[in-house]
Protein backbone atom coordinates (compact mmCIF):
# COMPACT_ATOMS: atom_id res chain seq x y z
CA MET A 1 0.12 0.13 -0.20
CA LYS A 2 3.07 2.27 0.54
CA LYS A 3 4.49 1.29 -2.65
CA TYR A 4 1.09 2.12 -4.31
CA ARG A 5 1.23 5.54 -2.04
CA SER A 6 4.46 6.53 -3.36
CA CYS A 7 3.28 5.68 -6.66
CA TYR A 8 0.63 7.85 -6.72
CA HIS A 9 2.53 11.21 -4.81
CA LEU A 10 5.20 10.47 -8.11
CA SER A 11 2.24 11.34 -10.29
CA ILE A 12 0.91 14.13 -8.66
CA LEU A 13 4.57 15.22 -8.80
CA ALA A 14 5.27 14.99 -12.50
CA ALA A 15 1.54 16.82 -13.10
CA GLY A 16 3.00 19.35 -10.99
CA LEU A 17 5.69 19.98 -13.39
CA PHE A 18 3.34 21.16 -16.42
CA PRO A 19 2.13 24.17 -15.80
CA PHE A 20 5.92 25.16 -15.37
CA LEU A 21 7.22 23.65 -18.80
CA ALA A 22 4.49 25.31 -20.67
CA GLY A 23 6.19 28.58 -20.19
CA CYS A 24 9.36 29.99 -21.71
CA VAL A 25 12.21 28.16 -20.37
CA THR A 26 16.14 28.95 -19.50
CA ASP A 27 19.18 26.65 -19.45
CA GLN A 28 18.60 26.59 -15.63
CA ASP A 29 14.72 25.42 -16.13
CA PHE A 30 16.42 22.33 -18.70
CA ARG A 31 18.97 21.03 -15.93
CA SER A 32 15.74 21.50 -13.69
CA LEU A 33 13.63 19.33 -15.92
CA GLU A 34 16.14 16.80 -16.69
CA LEU A 35 16.88 16.52 -13.22
CA GLN A 36 13.79 15.87 -12.85
CA PHE A 37 13.25 13.13 -15.58
CA ARG A 38 16.03 11.37 -13.95
CA ASN A 39 14.03 10.61 -10.99
CA LEU A 40 11.04 9.78 -12.31
CA ASP A 41 13.01 7.00 -14.37
CA ASN A 42 14.63 5.87 -11.01
CA ARG A 43 11.21 6.01 -9.27
CA MET A 44 9.89 3.70 -11.80
CA VAL A 45 12.83 1.19 -11.35
CA ALA A 46 12.55 1.27 -8.02
CA LEU A 47 8.57 0.36 -8.77
CA GLU A 48 9.47 -2.24 -11.00
CA ASN A 49 11.83 -3.72 -8.39
CA GLN A 50 9.12 -3.60 -6.09
CA VAL A 51 6.78 -5.50 -8.11
CA GLN A 52 9.39 -8.26 -8.58
CA ASP A 53 9.52 -8.43 -4.52
CA MET A 54 6.33 -8.93 -4.34
CA HIS A 55 5.97 -11.93 -7.18
CA SER A 56 8.73 -13.49 -4.96
CA GLY A 57 6.71 -12.70 -1.77
CA GLY A 58 4.46 -14.82 0.20
CA SER A 59 1.49 -12.41 -0.68
CA SER A 60 -1.65 -14.49 -1.67
CA VAL A 61 -2.37 -14.16 -5.03
CA GLU A 62 -5.62 -12.26 -4.69
CA LEU A 63 -3.71 -9.36 -3.34
CA MET A 64 -0.83 -9.60 -5.44
CA LYS A 65 -3.33 -9.51 -8.81
CA LYS A 66 -4.72 -6.09 -7.18
CA GLN A 67 -1.26 -4.58 -6.28
CA GLN A 68 0.18 -5.87 -9.71
CA ALA A 69 -3.17 -4.20 -11.38
CA GLY A 70 -2.33 -1.04 -9.35
CA LEU A 71 1.13 -0.51 -9.84
CA SER A 72 0.52 -1.81 -13.88
CA SER A 73 -1.80 1.41 -13.69
CA ASN A 74 0.39 3.28 -12.12
CA LEU A 75 3.43 2.40 -14.23
CA ASP A 76 1.44 3.59 -17.43
CA ARG A 77 0.14 6.64 -15.89
CA LEU A 78 3.27 7.31 -15.38
CA ASN A 79 4.96 6.63 -18.43
CA ALA A 80 2.16 8.51 -19.89
CA GLU A 81 3.21 11.00 -17.75
CA LEU A 82 6.83 11.06 -18.46
CA LEU A 83 6.07 10.86 -22.32
CA GLN A 84 3.82 14.11 -21.95
CA VAL A 85 6.87 15.32 -20.13
CA LYS A 86 9.36 14.53 -22.51
CA GLY A 87 7.46 15.69 -25.50
CA GLN A 88 7.28 19.07 -23.63
CA LEU A 89 10.76 19.20 -23.20
CA ASP A 90 11.30 19.07 -26.67
CA GLU A 91 8.77 21.53 -27.85
CA SER A 92 10.51 23.41 -24.82
CA ARG A 93 14.55 23.34 -26.50
CA HIS A 94 12.75 23.56 -29.57
CA ARG A 95 11.76 27.18 -28.70
CA TYR A 96 14.92 27.64 -26.99
CA ARG A 97 16.80 27.08 -29.96
CA ASN A 98 14.48 29.77 -31.60
CA MET A 99 14.81 32.24 -28.79
CA GLN A 100 18.93 31.85 -29.02
CA ALA A 101 17.86 32.56 -33.04
CA ASP A 102 16.00 35.18 -32.43
CA ASN A 103 18.58 36.46 -30.09
CA LYS A 104 20.86 36.61 -32.40
CA ASN A 105 19.21 38.49 -34.57
CA LEU A 106 18.53 40.84 -32.34
CA GLN A 107 21.61 41.47 -31.03
CA GLU A 108 22.70 41.56 -34.88
CA GLU A 109 20.21 44.70 -35.42
CA LEU A 110 20.94 46.15 -32.46
CA LYS A 111 24.70 46.21 -33.43
CA LYS A 112 23.19 47.66 -36.94
CA ILE A 113 21.30 50.14 -34.95
CA ARG A 114 24.48 51.68 -32.82
CA ASP A 115 26.29 51.61 -36.32
CA LEU A 116 23.42 53.54 -37.88
CA GLU A 117 23.67 55.99 -34.72
CA GLN A 118 27.26 56.11 -35.07
CA LYS A 119 26.98 57.33 -38.65
CA THR A 120 24.18 59.67 -37.88
CA GLY A 121 25.87 61.35 -34.91
CA GLU A 122 29.08 61.97 -37.79
CA LEU A 123 26.71 63.14 -40.22
CA GLN A 124 25.02 65.85 -37.65
CA GLU A 125 28.93 66.81 -36.52
CA ARG A 126 29.43 67.27 -40.37
CA ILE A 127 26.40 69.20 -41.13
CA GLY A 128 27.00 71.23 -38.08
CA THR A 129 30.81 72.44 -39.57
CA MET A 130 29.27 72.93 -42.89
CA GLU A 131 26.90 75.44 -41.36
CA SER A 132 29.10 76.47 -39.62
CA SER A 133 31.15 77.11 -42.37
CA THR A 134 28.23 78.44 -44.39
CA SER A 135 27.71 81.17 -42.10
CA GLU A 136 31.52 81.99 -41.83
CA ILE A 137 30.69 82.49 -46.13
CA ASP A 138 28.01 84.07 -45.58
CA THR A 139 29.48 86.89 -42.99
CA ARG A 140 32.64 87.54 -45.38
CA LEU A 141 30.19 87.97 -48.51
CA SER A 142 28.44 90.50 -46.50
CA THR A 143 31.70 92.32 -45.99
CA VAL A 144 33.00 92.22 -49.59
CA ASP A 145 29.00 93.55 -50.82
CA THR A 146 29.57 96.34 -48.34
CA HIS A 147 33.41 96.77 -49.69
CA LEU A 148 31.97 96.50 -52.95
CA ALA A 149 28.87 98.78 -52.71
CA ASP A 150 31.54 101.51 -51.00
CA ILE A 151 33.84 100.99 -54.31
CA LYS A 152 31.28 101.59 -56.51
CA GLU A 153 30.06 104.66 -54.39
CA THR A 154 33.57 106.13 -54.81
CA GLN A 155 33.52 105.58 -58.34
CA ALA A 156 30.15 107.12 -58.98
CA THR A 157 30.99 110.18 -57.13
CA ALA A 158 34.78 110.39 -59.19
CA ALA A 159 32.99 109.35 -62.44
CA THR A 160 30.37 112.67 -61.85
CA ARG A 161 32.70 115.31 -59.88
CA ALA A 162 35.15 114.18 -63.13
CA ALA A 163 31.64 114.85 -65.73
CA GLU A 164 31.09 117.98 -63.41
CA GLU A 165 34.65 119.96 -64.05
CA ALA A 166 34.34 118.09 -68.11
CA ARG A 167 31.35 120.04 -68.31
CA LYS A 168 32.89 123.38 -66.74
CA LYS A 169 35.40 123.06 -69.07
CA ALA A 170 33.40 122.83 -72.41
CA GLU A 171 31.48 125.57 -71.28
CA ALA A 172 34.38 127.50 -70.07
CA ALA A 173 36.02 127.01 -73.70
CA ASP A 174 32.21 127.34 -75.63
CA LYS A 175 32.23 130.89 -73.77
CA ALA A 176 36.09 132.21 -74.46
CA GLU A 177 35.08 131.15 -78.36
CA ALA A 178 31.95 132.79 -78.12
CA ALA A 179 33.60 135.82 -77.13
CA THR A 180 36.34 136.10 -79.75
CA LYS A 181 34.11 135.38 -82.48
CA SER A 182 30.37 134.51 -83.53
CA MET A 183 28.91 131.06 -84.22
CA GLN A 184 29.56 130.11 -87.75
CA PRO A 185 29.90 126.95 -89.02
CA HIS A 186 33.22 125.75 -89.72
CA GLU A 187 34.87 124.73 -92.75
CA ILE A 188 36.34 120.91 -91.81
CA ALA A 189 39.50 120.78 -93.90
CA PRO A 190 39.82 117.68 -95.86
CA GLU A 191 41.62 114.59 -94.98
CA LYS A 192 45.06 113.74 -96.82
CA THR A 193 43.93 111.33 -99.39
CA LYS A 194 46.04 108.41 -99.83
CA LYS A 195 47.99 107.57 -102.83
CA THR A 196 46.80 105.98 -105.72
CA PRO A 197 49.58 102.78 -106.14
CA ALA A 198 51.31 104.76 -109.55
CA GLU A 199 51.97 107.64 -107.20
CA ALA A 200 53.06 105.46 -104.19
CA LYS A 201 55.56 103.97 -106.55
CA ARG A 202 56.99 107.26 -108.77
CA GLN A 203 57.50 108.19 -104.98
CA GLN A 204 59.01 105.59 -104.23
CA THR A 205 61.39 105.54 -107.40
CA VAL A 206 62.02 109.21 -106.12
CA GLU A 207 63.33 108.06 -102.71
CA GLN A 208 65.23 105.43 -104.20
CA ALA A 209 67.03 107.59 -106.24
CA SER A 210 67.31 110.36 -103.86
CA PRO A 211 69.93 110.57 -100.96
CA ALA A 212 69.45 108.22 -97.46
CA GLU A 213 66.57 109.47 -95.33
CA THR A 214 66.87 112.63 -93.05
CA PRO A 215 66.19 111.85 -89.34
CA GLN A 216 62.67 113.40 -89.87
CA LYS A 217 61.61 111.19 -92.06
CA GLN A 218 62.86 108.11 -90.41
CA GLY A 219 60.83 109.44 -87.35
CA GLU A 220 57.54 109.76 -89.28
CA SER A 221 58.30 106.33 -90.51
CA SER A 222 58.59 105.05 -87.23
CA GLY A 223 55.60 107.09 -85.92
CA ASN A 224 53.26 105.61 -88.59
CA LYS A 225 53.91 102.10 -87.48
CA MET A 226 53.47 102.89 -83.94
CA TYR A 227 50.36 104.57 -84.78
CA ASP A 228 49.19 101.61 -86.80
CA GLU A 229 49.95 99.18 -84.34
CA ALA A 230 47.76 101.22 -81.76
CA LEU A 231 45.04 101.10 -84.37
CA ASP A 232 45.15 97.79 -85.05
CA LEU A 233 45.18 97.17 -80.80
CA PHE A 234 41.93 99.12 -80.82
CA LYS A 235 40.21 97.07 -83.67
CA ALA A 236 40.89 93.92 -81.55
CA LYS A 237 38.86 95.68 -78.44
CA LYS A 238 42.40 95.94 -76.39
CA TYR A 239 42.00 99.65 -75.54
CA LYS A 240 44.09 100.21 -72.21
CA GLU A 241 46.80 98.96 -74.63
CA SER A 242 45.50 101.17 -77.43
CA GLN A 243 45.03 103.88 -75.07
CA GLU A 244 48.83 103.38 -74.13
CA LEU A 245 50.36 103.40 -77.10
CA PHE A 246 48.34 106.51 -78.56
CA SER A 247 49.13 108.31 -75.77
CA GLU A 248 53.21 107.13 -76.60
CA PHE A 249 52.88 108.35 -80.43
CA ILE A 250 51.38 111.83 -78.98
CA LYS A 251 54.05 112.59 -76.59
CA LYS A 252 57.08 111.22 -79.54
CA ASN A 253 55.45 112.87 -82.15
CA PRO A 254 53.07 116.07 -81.37
CA ASP A 255 53.33 117.70 -84.73
CA HIS A 256 52.74 114.38 -86.80
CA ASP A 257 49.79 114.67 -89.15
CA LEU A 258 48.17 112.11 -87.16
CA SER A 259 48.47 113.43 -83.76
CA VAL A 260 44.80 114.88 -84.14
CA ASN A 261 43.50 110.92 -84.91
CA ALA A 262 45.13 109.67 -82.31
CA ARG A 263 43.65 112.27 -79.56
CA PHE A 264 40.40 111.41 -80.71
CA TRP A 265 40.95 108.02 -80.75
CA VAL A 266 42.10 107.95 -77.23
CA GLY A 267 39.00 109.46 -76.25
CA ASP A 268 37.48 106.68 -77.54
CA CYS A 269 39.55 103.95 -76.04
CA LEU A 270 38.40 105.49 -72.42
CA TYR A 271 34.98 105.87 -73.75
CA ASN A 272 34.92 101.97 -74.62
CA GLN A 273 36.41 101.34 -70.65
CA ASN A 274 33.37 103.41 -69.33
CA GLU A 275 35.88 106.26 -68.50
CA PHE A 276 33.53 108.99 -69.54
CA ALA A 277 33.91 111.86 -67.57
CA LEU A 278 37.83 110.96 -68.98
CA ALA A 279 36.85 110.68 -72.48
CA ILE A 280 35.19 113.76 -72.33
CA LEU A 281 38.17 115.70 -71.24
CA GLU A 282 40.26 114.11 -74.37
CA TYR A 283 37.40 115.36 -76.96
CA GLN A 284 37.31 118.55 -75.33
CA ASN A 285 40.85 118.49 -76.54
CA VAL A 286 40.63 117.76 -80.34
CA ILE A 287 37.35 120.36 -80.06
CA ALA A 288 38.94 123.44 -78.44
CA ASP A 289 42.71 122.83 -80.02
CA TYR A 290 41.44 121.53 -84.02
CA PRO A 291 38.09 122.99 -84.47
CA ASN A 292 38.58 122.58 -88.33
CA HIS A 293 39.73 119.32 -88.36
CA THR A 294 37.55 116.46 -89.26
CA LYS A 295 37.35 114.72 -86.05
CA ALA A 296 36.32 117.84 -84.18
CA PRO A 297 32.71 116.63 -85.47
CA ALA A 298 33.35 113.22 -84.62
CA ALA A 299 34.54 114.33 -80.76
CA LEU A 300 31.65 116.71 -80.38
CA PHE A 301 29.27 113.65 -81.27
CA LYS A 302 31.05 111.34 -78.99
CA GLN A 303 31.33 113.69 -75.77
CA ALA A 304 27.51 113.93 -76.26
CA MET A 305 26.96 110.52 -76.06
CA ALA A 306 29.33 110.61 -73.12
CA PHE A 307 27.49 113.15 -71.13
CA GLU A 308 24.19 110.81 -72.06
CA ASN A 309 25.66 107.96 -70.22
CA LEU A 310 26.77 109.86 -67.32
CA GLN A 311 22.53 110.64 -66.86
CA ASP A 312 23.49 114.65 -68.01
CA ASP A 313 21.14 114.83 -70.94
CA ASP A 314 20.76 118.55 -70.83
CA THR A 315 24.58 119.17 -71.74
CA ALA A 316 24.31 115.90 -74.06
CA LYS A 317 21.45 118.28 -76.28
CA ILE A 318 23.85 121.58 -76.19
CA VAL A 319 26.31 119.65 -77.62
CA TYR A 320 23.79 118.25 -80.39
CA LYS A 321 22.75 121.47 -81.14
CA LYS A 322 26.60 122.72 -81.78
CA ILE A 323 27.28 119.76 -84.05
CA ILE A 324 24.64 121.06 -86.07
CA ALA A 325 25.10 125.02 -85.77
CA GLU A 326 28.86 124.71 -86.22
CA TYR A 327 29.22 121.43 -88.60
CA PRO A 328 26.13 121.47 -91.02
CA LYS A 329 27.99 119.87 -93.27
CA SER A 330 29.60 116.96 -91.36
CA ASP A 331 28.56 113.18 -91.02
CA GLN A 332 27.30 113.57 -87.75
CA VAL A 333 24.49 116.10 -87.96
CA ALA A 334 22.23 113.49 -89.13
CA ALA A 335 22.79 111.50 -86.14
CA ALA A 336 22.81 114.37 -84.41
CA LYS A 337 19.38 115.47 -84.78
CA LYS A 338 17.96 112.25 -84.40
CA LYS A 339 19.77 112.16 -80.71
CA LEU A 340 17.75 115.93 -80.17
CA GLU A 341 14.51 113.81 -81.11
CA GLU A 342 15.14 110.80 -78.83
CA LEU A 343 15.93 113.19 -75.91
CA GLU A 344 13.26 115.48 -76.38
CA LYS A 345 10.57 113.34 -76.54
């Protein structure tokens, strides 16, 4: 009877393990289950030994049958419970392996997240550096803009002053000229025409038959070459270089036939460099010193255009009218009339 109770207690103990096995287990839980499983095996062996002892004892056959039937029933129930425990143990092991795999995947994902956080931090640091650099660049650009505005204002002031001085000088020249003579049309002296090939050949023959060139002719030849080089630079739109060479030509050849033209081209070089005030002064030198030269009305016309560029339309109108009055036969009259019509609208 005690043996039967022991088997019954063993079955209750095994049944009490089921709720525990149904949950999520750890390595320690597995070891505990395996230990209990071995204890159950040992108890079953002990029960089998007891059964054998009962068979070998002197109990009655009837009692032995009853005990054997009870033991067999308990053994069957224990076997069933052991199988169930074993199944749950296998399932727990399988779940544990899955948990280990999931944990490994989770660790890898966490590592990726940490790497991403590190990269994000580096990126944010770079963005902060870029923003700092951008702010510094903006500050520098603002400073440059301020300097440029100051320079433009200074240039505008200088140009206005120069234009005012040029206008006053032009007015003074006009008054001085008007005091000596009334405003009458100028007779423009025609420019020297170029020699025909036959004339040039005859001149070359005479020069070859004559003695060596005088220093004066050599100087004129050198001056012509310098003038042509300066004019080529002007046509190539190299205005600064052309201006310097024309100025050098005027300095070295003040009495040359082309010196008046050179003065006019100096004014045109300044005009094309947007130095309108300085150009007005250069044109005035041609107008005042050589009023009968073919470049005089051209210089007046370009002077009027320079005044227009300086937003001094009133003075420009005066100059255009002067062209029409003093140089009625010049090529600039038609253009001057058209300009007057546009300014008076």
